[in-house]
Protein backbone atom coordinates (compact mmCIF):
# COMPACT_ATOMS: atom_id res chain seq x y z
CA MET A 1 -0.12 0.00 -0.09
CA SER A 2 2.71 2.14 -1.03
CA GLY A 3 1.61 6.46 -0.78
CA LEU A 4 -1.04 5.48 2.09
CA GLU A 5 -0.90 8.59 4.48
CA VAL A 6 -3.97 8.41 6.91
CA LEU A 7 -4.35 4.68 8.91
CA ALA A 8 -7.74 3.92 10.92
CA ILE A 9 -7.77 1.38 13.04
CA ARG A 10 -11.14 0.31 15.19
CA HIS A 11 -11.46 -2.57 17.64
CA LEU A 12 -8.32 -4.18 18.11
CA ARG A 13 -7.95 -7.02 20.41
CA PRO A 14 -4.46 -7.62 22.34
CA PHE A 15 -3.56 -11.11 21.02
CA LEU A 16 -1.94 -9.47 17.74
CA HIS A 17 -0.58 -12.02 15.29
CA HIS A 18 3.35 -10.77 14.58
CA ASN A 19 2.29 -10.85 10.67
CA PHE A 20 0.32 -7.64 12.20
CA PHE A 21 3.07 -5.48 13.06
CA LEU A 22 5.16 -6.98 10.02
CA GLY A 23 2.39 -5.28 8.02
CA ILE A 24 2.31 -2.21 10.13
CA SER A 25 6.22 -1.97 9.34
CA ARG A 26 5.78 -1.71 5.87
CA LEU A 27 3.53 1.29 5.79
CA GLN A 28 6.25 3.52 5.66
CA SER A 29 4.31 6.72 4.13
CA VAL A 30 1.60 6.88 7.19
CA LYS A 31 1.54 10.47 8.53
CA SER A 32 -1.87 10.02 10.40
CA LEU A 33 -2.81 7.36 12.75
CA GLN A 34 -6.35 7.05 14.38
CA LEU A 35 -6.76 4.08 17.13
CA SER A 36 -10.41 3.71 18.38
CA GLN A 37 -11.74 1.47 20.95
CA CYS A 38 -8.68 -0.53 20.51
CA THR A 39 -7.27 -2.84 23.65
CA PHE A 40 -3.35 -3.54 23.87
CA SER A 41 -1.59 -6.19 26.28
CA ASN A 42 0.58 -3.29 27.34
CA ILE A 43 1.99 -0.34 26.37
CA SER A 44 4.85 -2.60 24.31
CA GLN A 45 2.18 -3.38 21.77
CA LEU A 46 0.90 0.29 21.30
CA ARG A 47 4.67 1.75 21.06
CA ARG A 48 5.67 -0.84 18.49
CA ILE A 49 2.80 0.30 16.04
CA VAL A 50 3.61 3.95 16.63
CA CYS A 51 7.15 3.58 16.47
CA ALA A 52 7.12 1.49 13.19
CA LEU A 53 5.72 4.68 11.58
CA PRO A 54 8.57 6.98 11.10
CA GLN A 55 6.74 9.70 9.19
CA LEU A 56 3.79 9.86 11.92
CA LEU A 57 2.97 13.55 12.52
CA GLN A 58 -0.73 13.13 13.65
CA LEU A 59 -2.15 10.40 16.24
CA ALA A 60 -5.60 9.90 17.58
CA LEU A 61 -6.41 7.65 20.59
CA SER A 62 -9.82 7.32 21.48
CA TYR A 63 -10.85 4.99 24.15
CA VAL A 64 -7.49 2.86 24.15
CA ARG A 65 -7.07 0.44 27.05
CA LEU A 66 -4.35 -1.60 28.41
CA ARG A 67 -5.05 -4.82 29.94
CA VAL A 68 -1.74 -4.69 31.82
CA ILE A 69 -1.24 -1.20 33.52
CA ARG A 70 2.41 -1.70 34.77
CA HIS A 71 5.16 -2.18 32.55
CA PRO A 72 6.11 -5.93 31.38
CA PRO A 73 9.19 -7.40 32.76
CA GLY A 74 12.47 -6.07 31.37
CA TYR A 75 10.58 -2.82 30.57
CA ASN A 76 12.90 0.15 31.30
CA SER A 77 14.57 3.15 29.97
CA ILE A 78 15.98 1.44 27.03
CA HIS A 79 12.58 1.32 25.35
CA TYR A 80 12.54 5.33 25.26
CA VAL A 81 15.84 5.15 23.29
CA GLY A 82 16.24 5.44 19.23
CA VAL A 83 12.39 6.52 18.48
CA GLU A 84 12.31 8.27 15.33
CA THR A 85 8.76 9.45 15.55
CA ARG A 86 8.07 13.07 16.40
CA LEU A 87 4.41 13.87 16.90
CA ARG A 88 3.20 17.39 15.80
CA SER A 89 -0.54 16.55 16.28
CA LEU A 90 -2.16 14.33 19.39
CA SER A 91 -5.73 14.16 19.91
CA ILE A 92 -6.71 11.89 23.12
CA THR A 93 -9.70 10.63 25.27
CA LEU A 94 -9.37 11.13 28.86
CA ASP A 95 -12.22 9.21 30.75
CA GLY A 96 -12.79 8.01 34.01
CA TYR A 97 -12.47 4.24 33.20
CA ILE A 98 -9.26 4.36 31.01
CA ASP A 99 -7.65 7.10 32.68
CA GLU A 100 -5.53 4.50 34.51
CA SER A 101 -4.37 3.11 31.09
CA MET A 102 -3.99 6.59 29.84
CA GLU A 103 -1.44 7.33 32.51
CA VAL A 104 0.99 4.93 31.37
CA VAL A 105 0.46 6.11 27.55
CA ILE A 106 1.08 9.58 28.44
CA ASP A 107 4.26 8.35 30.77
CA TRP A 108 5.59 7.13 27.46
CA ILE A 109 4.95 10.03 25.32
CA PHE A 110 6.67 12.00 27.73
CA HIS A 111 9.75 9.89 28.33
CA SER A 112 10.06 8.57 24.64
CA GLY A 113 10.39 11.99 23.28
CA ILE A 114 7.66 11.52 20.59
CA GLY A 115 5.47 14.31 21.99
CA ALA A 116 8.59 16.78 22.50
CA ASN A 117 7.84 18.67 19.12
CA LEU A 118 4.27 18.51 19.67
CA GLN A 119 2.00 21.76 18.15
CA ASP A 120 -1.26 20.74 18.27
CA LEU A 121 -3.12 18.95 21.35
CA SER A 122 -6.51 18.04 21.57
CA VAL A 123 -8.12 16.60 24.79
CA TRP A 124 -11.59 15.01 24.78
CA VAL A 125 -13.00 14.97 28.30
CA GLY A 126 -15.31 12.45 29.64
CA ASP A 127 -16.16 11.11 33.29
CA PRO A 128 -13.33 12.17 35.79
CA ALA A 129 -11.37 9.18 37.06
CA PRO A 130 -12.06 8.54 40.98
CA ASP A 131 -8.37 8.95 41.89
CA PRO A 132 -7.72 12.75 41.82
CA ALA A 133 -4.17 11.86 40.85
CA LEU A 134 -5.31 10.76 37.37
CA ARG A 135 -7.24 13.76 36.61
CA GLN A 136 -3.70 15.37 36.55
CA ASN A 137 -3.20 13.74 33.01
CA PRO A 138 -4.02 16.83 31.15
CA ASN A 139 -1.32 18.78 32.74
CA LYS A 140 1.05 15.91 32.29
CA LEU A 141 0.28 16.08 28.30
CA LEU A 142 0.90 19.83 28.38
CA ALA A 143 4.30 19.38 30.30
CA ALA A 144 5.64 17.02 28.01
CA SER A 145 4.55 19.13 24.83
CA GLY A 146 6.41 21.97 26.38
CA PRO A 147 7.37 25.34 24.23
CA SER A 148 6.52 23.76 21.08
CA LEU A 149 2.80 23.67 21.66
CA THR A 150 0.64 26.46 19.96
CA GLN A 151 -3.11 25.06 20.36
CA TYR A 152 -4.70 23.49 22.94
CA THR A 153 -8.27 22.09 22.37
CA GLU A 154 -10.42 20.77 25.39
CA GLN A 155 -13.74 19.29 24.55
CA TYR A 156 -16.60 17.85 26.05
CA GLN A 157 -16.90 13.81 25.13
CA SER A 158 -19.45 12.67 27.62
CA GLY A 159 -23.27 12.96 28.70
CA PRO A 160 -24.51 16.58 30.00
CA TYR A 161 -24.12 15.79 33.88
CA GLY A 162 -20.63 16.59 34.53
CA ARG A 163 -18.65 16.33 37.45
CA LYS A 164 -15.36 17.95 38.70
CA ARG A 165 -12.77 16.70 36.56
CA HIS A 166 -9.38 18.34 37.29
CA ALA A 167 -7.32 18.27 40.50
CA GLY A 168 -6.61 21.74 40.87
CA HIS A 169 -6.79 23.51 37.08
CA LEU A 170 -4.85 23.36 33.39
CA ASP A 171 -1.64 24.67 33.83
CA PHE A 172 0.03 26.23 30.90
CA ALA A 173 3.10 27.65 32.21
CA ALA A 174 5.50 25.06 30.11
CA ASN A 175 3.65 26.34 26.64
CA THR A 176 5.48 29.47 26.10
CA THR A 177 4.70 29.75 22.58
CA LEU A 178 0.68 29.10 22.96
CA GLN A 179 -1.02 30.85 20.52
CA ALA A 180 -4.99 29.41 20.65
CA PHE A 181 -6.31 27.46 23.35
CA ALA A 182 -9.94 25.95 24.00
CA ILE A 183 -10.88 25.14 27.51
CA ALA A 184 -13.70 23.14 29.15
CA LEU A 185 -15.00 24.22 32.78
CA ASP A 186 -16.80 22.34 35.17
CA THR A 187 -20.48 21.95 34.81
CA ILE A 188 -22.30 24.39 37.12
CA ARG A 189 -25.26 22.57 38.84
CA LEU A 190 -28.14 24.70 40.15
CA ASN A 191 -29.55 22.22 42.40
CA ARG A 192 -32.03 24.59 44.23
CA GLY A 193 -33.59 27.91 43.06
CA GLN A 194 -31.82 30.28 46.17
CA ARG A 195 -29.28 32.91 45.01
CA SER A 196 -26.77 31.45 47.22
CA ASP A 197 -26.64 28.28 45.22
CA TRP A 198 -26.37 30.16 42.05
CA LEU A 199 -23.95 32.33 43.33
CA ARG A 200 -21.75 29.61 44.91
CA GLY A 201 -21.56 27.77 41.66
CA TRP A 202 -20.47 31.12 39.53
CA SER A 203 -17.80 31.38 42.35
CA GLU A 204 -16.16 28.16 41.77
CA LEU A 205 -16.52 28.84 37.97
CA VAL A 206 -14.62 31.91 38.26
CA ASP A 207 -11.98 30.52 40.43
CA GLN A 208 -11.38 27.91 38.07
CA LEU A 209 -11.00 29.88 35.09
CA ARG A 210 -8.93 32.44 36.86
CA GLY A 211 -6.76 29.52 37.91
CA ILE A 212 -6.37 28.25 34.61
CA LEU A 213 -5.76 32.13 32.87
CA ALA A 214 -3.11 32.68 35.71
CA THR A 215 -0.85 30.12 34.47
CA VAL A 216 -0.72 31.09 31.04
CA ARG A 217 2.75 32.44 29.99
CA SER A 218 3.22 33.12 26.10
CA ARG A 219 2.57 36.65 25.01
CA GLN A 220 1.30 35.22 21.55
CA VAL A 221 -2.10 34.61 22.65
CA ARG A 222 -4.52 35.41 20.06
CA ASP A 223 -7.67 32.99 20.34
CA ILE A 224 -9.17 32.36 23.54
CA LYS A 225 -12.62 29.47 23.10
CA ILE A 226 -14.52 28.57 26.66
CA ASN A 227 -16.98 26.06 26.68
CA GLY A 228 -19.45 25.84 29.86
CA ARG A 229 -22.42 23.64 31.10
CA ILE A 230 -25.21 24.97 33.47
CA ARG A 231 -27.59 22.47 34.51
CA PHE A 232 -30.99 23.78 36.18
CA TRP A 233 -32.64 21.46 38.29
CA SER A 234 -35.04 24.12 39.26
CA GLU A 235 -35.87 27.58 38.60
CA PRO A 236 -33.88 30.18 40.00
CA ALA A 237 -35.99 32.57 42.02
CA GLY A 238 -35.73 36.37 42.24
CA ASP A 239 -33.50 39.03 40.28
CA PHE A 240 -30.01 37.30 39.08
CA THR A 241 -29.26 40.51 36.67
CA ALA A 242 -26.88 41.58 39.16
CA ILE A 243 -25.01 38.49 40.45
CA THR A 244 -21.89 39.81 38.85
CA GLU A 245 -21.78 42.67 41.56
CA ASP A 246 -21.84 39.84 43.96
CA LEU A 247 -18.91 37.71 42.48
CA ASP A 248 -15.26 38.50 43.37
CA LEU A 249 -14.15 39.51 39.89
CA ALA A 250 -11.17 41.42 40.89
CA ARG A 251 -8.55 38.94 40.87
CA LEU A 252 -9.96 37.35 37.81
CA HIS A 253 -9.98 40.77 35.72
CA GLU A 254 -6.46 41.52 37.20
CA VAL A 255 -5.05 38.34 35.42
CA MET A 256 -7.02 39.03 31.89
CA SER A 257 -5.18 42.24 32.23
CA GLN A 258 -1.68 40.94 32.28
CA PRO A 259 0.67 41.20 29.40
CA SER A 260 0.07 37.69 28.42
CA PHE A 261 -3.43 38.56 26.80
CA ASP A 262 -2.33 41.94 25.30
CA ALA A 263 -2.55 40.15 21.58
CA VAL A 264 -5.87 38.52 21.93
CA HIS A 265 -8.08 39.06 19.52
CA GLU A 266 -11.16 37.02 19.59
CA VAL A 267 -12.83 35.09 22.60
CA GLU A 268 -15.66 32.84 21.78
CA VAL A 269 -17.81 31.49 24.78
CA LYS A 270 -20.08 28.00 24.02
CA VAL A 271 -22.51 27.45 26.67
CA GLU A 272 -24.91 24.50 26.81
CA ILE A 273 -27.58 24.75 29.23
CA ILE A 274 -29.42 21.60 30.37
CA ASP A 275 -32.67 22.44 31.64
CA THR A 276 -34.43 19.85 33.58
CA VAL A 277 -37.08 21.92 35.46
CA PRO A 278 -40.66 20.29 34.97
CA ARG A 279 -43.07 22.90 33.32
CA THR A 280 -46.75 22.69 32.28
CA SER A 281 -46.78 24.06 28.54
CA ALA A 282 -44.15 24.17 25.48
CA LEU A 283 -44.95 27.90 25.79
CA SER A 284 -43.54 28.23 29.41
CA THR A 285 -40.45 26.10 28.42
CA ASN A 286 -39.59 28.31 25.55
CA LEU A 287 -40.13 31.45 27.61
CA ASP A 288 -38.30 30.23 30.81
CA CYS A 289 -35.44 28.59 28.66
CA GLU A 290 -34.78 32.17 26.50
CA LYS A 291 -34.96 33.98 30.07
CA ASN A 292 -32.30 31.85 31.60
CA ARG A 293 -29.94 31.90 28.33
CA GLN A 294 -30.17 35.62 28.69
CA ARG A 295 -29.26 35.58 32.16
CA VAL A 296 -26.41 33.45 31.34
CA GLU A 297 -25.03 35.26 28.45
CA ASP A 298 -24.84 38.95 30.50
CA ILE A 299 -22.79 36.70 33.25
CA PHE A 300 -20.55 35.68 30.91
CA ARG A 301 -20.53 38.95 29.42
CA GLY A 302 -19.75 40.56 32.76
CA LEU A 303 -16.86 38.13 33.34
CA LEU A 304 -15.22 38.91 30.34
CA ASN A 305 -15.39 42.63 30.64
CA PRO A 306 -11.83 43.44 30.28
CA TRP A 307 -11.35 42.01 26.89
CA SER A 308 -14.70 43.46 25.53
CA GLY A 309 -12.74 46.84 24.39
CA ARG A 310 -9.99 45.03 22.43
CA ALA A 311 -11.44 41.68 21.45
CA THR A 312 -14.38 40.44 19.82
CA VAL A 313 -16.30 38.44 22.65
CA ARG A 314 -18.93 36.18 21.34
CA VAL A 315 -21.37 34.20 23.36
CA SER A 316 -23.53 31.31 22.18
CA MET A 317 -25.92 29.01 23.96
CA ARG A 318 -27.55 25.80 23.14
CA SER A 319 -30.22 24.38 25.21
CA HIS A 320 -31.30 21.26 26.28
CA TYR A 321 -34.56 20.35 28.19
CA PRO A 322 -36.92 17.30 28.32
CA MET A 323 -40.16 17.37 26.14
CA PRO A 324 -43.27 15.48 27.79
CA SER A 325 -44.47 12.83 25.41
CA ASP A 326 -47.57 14.79 24.60
CA TRP A 327 -45.48 17.59 22.89
CA PRO A 328 -44.54 15.47 19.62
CA GLN A 329 -44.83 18.29 17.53
CA MET A 330 -41.62 19.97 19.34
CA PRO A 331 -38.15 19.02 18.82
CA ARG A 332 -35.98 17.42 21.51
CA ARG A 333 -33.10 19.75 21.13
CA LEU A 334 -33.61 23.47 20.95
CA LYS A 335 -30.67 25.52 19.62
CA LEU A 336 -30.37 29.18 20.15
C-alpha cells in the first residue's frame, strides 16, 4: 500500500499476530494514525505500532485501553531510546474508566520524546477518574508538549451531567509559545432556586477560570475559546441580573489584564444549558429557557469585561430540556 498517508484502526484486541506488526512496518508513508476503541496487552504493543511509522505526524487515541497497566518485565528506559517518530498533533480521550491506562500512555509519550515537538494537542473530556491523581493527566500532556505547543483544545466527550474533572486546574506554564486554546470548564449545577446556590456555582467557575488563565506565560495568545455547561434542576428565584456584583471578579480581571493577553483578538464562549425543570406547557418552557439563556449570557459578558474593548467576545448558547410525550410536534433539542 505504497503512498498511504492516513490509517484508521478500530477494535483491536490484545492478541495480535506477528504478521500484524510486520504489515504495519511496511506502511512507511503513513502520516496520520487513528486508534479507536482498541485494547492492547500492554504499552509495548502500542509503542511497536507508533514507532513503526517513522513519518507519523498525527496520532489520535480514542478510548484506548491497556489490559496490563504496569510495565512488562524487562521494560526500562532503553525502550525510550532511538524513537524516530516526532508527533506534531495528538488527540486523546480521557475518561474515568481508561484514565489509568492513559497515565501509562502519557508517561511513555513524555519519556520517549515523541511529543517533544508537539504543536497541536486536543483532549476529549469524559467522566473524571475517581483517583484525583489521574485527573492530572491533561497537565502531564501539557508539560510533555513544552514550548513547542501552539494550540490546545479541550472538548466535552460524555453526557450532560458533568462532575469535577481536574485536580486543581490546567497549567499552561510550560507552553510559552501558545497561540490559541480552548478549555472546558466544570459544569455548574443549580440544584435549588436560591440565589446563594446560584452564586456558589458561579464563584467556583470564576475561581477555575482565574486559576487556568493565571498559568499562561505565552504572549502570543490570540484566540481563546471557553466551553461551559449549566444544569438547571430548579427554576431560579428572584432577580439574578446583578449576580456579577456579588462575585469576586477583581482577581479574575487582574489576571485578564496581564501582558500575556495583550495579543488576544477573539474570545468565544459556548455554553450548553441543560434544563430539567418540570413545566406545564411548551410555551412556558420556551419562555423560561430564553430567560435563563439571557441571564447566563449577561453574566459571561460581565466576567469577560476586560477583553470586551480590544477583542471580539462572542457568546452562544445551546439549550437542552426534556420534552413531555404529549408534545410530539416540538423538537427534543432547541438551538438558540
